[in-house]
């Protein structure tokens, strides 16, 4: 059996923009990655203010939203990986979110 690995050249994040329907990440090597916001349910259900409150982590190789407890890596974006959060976990988070805002 022959296996191969894919090596990714992971550049650092330069800029992040979150709209109502997309996450756009500009990288230091000039690439831009645009993915549907639906890939990240916590971002989909966030307020505009929460979506804009991000910081870089891992020397710019990831993005963190503290209020949403959401982390997205450049590697995951390059590989086209949506959120790996289970529906059970997301529903619990959403329920807690609704309860705390009531």
Protein backbone atom coordinates (compact mmCIF):
# COMPACT_ATOMS: atom_id res chain seq x y z
CA UNK A 1 0.00 0.00 0.00
CA UNK A 2 1.31 3.40 -0.95
CA UNK A 3 0.39 6.40 1.11
CA UNK A 4 1.19 9.99 0.48
CA UNK A 5 1.03 13.05 2.60
CA UNK A 6 0.18 16.54 1.61
CA UNK A 7 2.34 19.30 2.97
CA UNK A 8 0.67 22.66 3.25
CA UNK A 9 2.53 25.91 3.14
CA UNK A 10 0.56 27.66 5.86
CA UNK A 11 0.92 31.41 5.73
CA UNK A 12 -0.09 33.74 8.51
CA UNK A 13 -3.39 35.60 8.60
CA UNK A 14 -3.18 39.25 7.60
CA UNK A 15 -6.87 40.20 7.75
CA UNK A 16 -10.22 38.66 8.66
CA UNK A 17 -13.65 39.81 7.49
CA UNK A 18 -16.93 38.24 8.50
CA UNK A 19 -20.08 39.15 6.58
CA UNK A 20 -23.59 37.80 6.97
CA UNK A 21 -22.80 34.86 4.70
CA UNK A 22 -19.02 34.45 4.36
CA UNK A 23 -15.73 34.33 6.21
CA UNK A 24 -12.86 35.91 4.27
CA UNK A 25 -9.28 35.41 5.42
CA UNK A 26 -6.39 37.19 3.68
CA UNK A 27 -3.02 35.50 4.08
CA UNK A 28 0.48 36.96 4.15
CA UNK A 29 1.38 35.23 0.87
CA UNK A 30 -1.35 37.10 -1.01
CA UNK A 31 -3.98 34.36 -1.04
CA UNK A 32 -7.52 35.00 0.14
CA UNK A 33 -9.77 32.22 1.38
CA UNK A 34 -13.53 32.73 1.28
CA UNK A 35 -15.78 30.10 2.86
CA UNK A 36 -19.51 30.03 3.61
CA UNK A 37 -20.34 31.24 7.10
CA UNK A 38 -22.70 28.24 7.33
CA UNK A 39 -19.56 26.12 7.83
CA UNK A 40 -19.23 27.71 11.27
CA UNK A 41 -22.60 27.67 13.08
CA UNK A 42 -21.34 29.69 16.03
CA UNK A 43 -20.31 32.52 13.72
CA UNK A 44 -23.64 32.18 11.88
CA UNK A 45 -25.52 32.69 15.15
CA UNK A 46 -23.31 35.49 16.44
CA UNK A 47 -24.08 39.17 16.57
CA UNK A 48 -22.20 41.53 14.28
CA UNK A 49 -20.19 42.74 17.26
CA UNK A 50 -19.23 39.20 18.26
CA UNK A 51 -18.20 38.34 14.69
CA UNK A 52 -15.85 41.30 14.58
CA UNK A 53 -14.26 40.56 17.96
CA UNK A 54 -11.53 38.13 16.89
CA UNK A 55 -7.81 37.83 17.54
CA UNK A 56 -4.99 35.89 15.94
CA UNK A 57 -3.56 32.85 17.71
CA UNK A 58 -0.64 30.53 17.03
CA UNK A 59 1.57 33.21 15.46
CA UNK A 60 -1.20 34.08 12.98
CA UNK A 61 -1.99 30.49 11.98
CA UNK A 62 -5.41 30.59 13.63
CA UNK A 63 -8.27 32.89 14.53
CA UNK A 64 -10.05 32.93 17.90
CA UNK A 65 -13.42 34.40 18.87
CA UNK A 66 -13.42 34.50 22.70
CA UNK A 67 -17.12 35.28 23.18
CA UNK A 68 -18.08 32.42 20.85
CA UNK A 69 -15.41 29.95 22.00
CA UNK A 70 -14.58 29.42 18.30
CA UNK A 71 -11.16 28.68 16.83
CA UNK A 72 -10.46 28.33 13.11
CA UNK A 73 -7.07 27.35 11.73
CA UNK A 74 -5.56 28.45 8.44
CA UNK A 75 -4.75 24.82 7.74
CA UNK A 76 -8.41 23.85 8.16
CA UNK A 77 -9.47 26.64 5.84
CA UNK A 78 -6.93 25.60 3.20
CA UNK A 79 -8.15 22.01 3.42
CA UNK A 80 -11.78 23.11 3.08
CA UNK A 81 -12.77 21.76 6.49
CA UNK A 82 -15.97 23.13 8.01
CA UNK A 83 -16.50 23.12 11.77
CA UNK A 84 -16.07 19.71 13.32
CA UNK A 85 -18.37 20.52 16.24
CA UNK A 86 -21.06 17.93 16.86
CA UNK A 87 -24.71 18.88 16.61
CA UNK A 88 -25.13 17.96 20.29
CA UNK A 89 -22.37 20.36 21.34
CA UNK A 90 -23.67 23.14 19.09
CA UNK A 91 -27.26 22.75 20.32
CA UNK A 92 -26.06 22.87 23.94
CA UNK A 93 -24.03 26.03 23.19
CA UNK A 94 -27.01 27.62 21.42
CA UNK A 95 -29.36 26.71 24.26
CA UNK A 96 -26.98 28.17 26.85
CA UNK A 97 -26.67 31.30 24.73
CA UNK A 98 -30.45 31.78 24.53
CA UNK A 99 -30.82 31.11 28.28
CA UNK A 100 -28.18 33.66 29.24
CA UNK A 101 -29.69 36.39 27.05
CA UNK A 102 -33.19 35.97 28.49
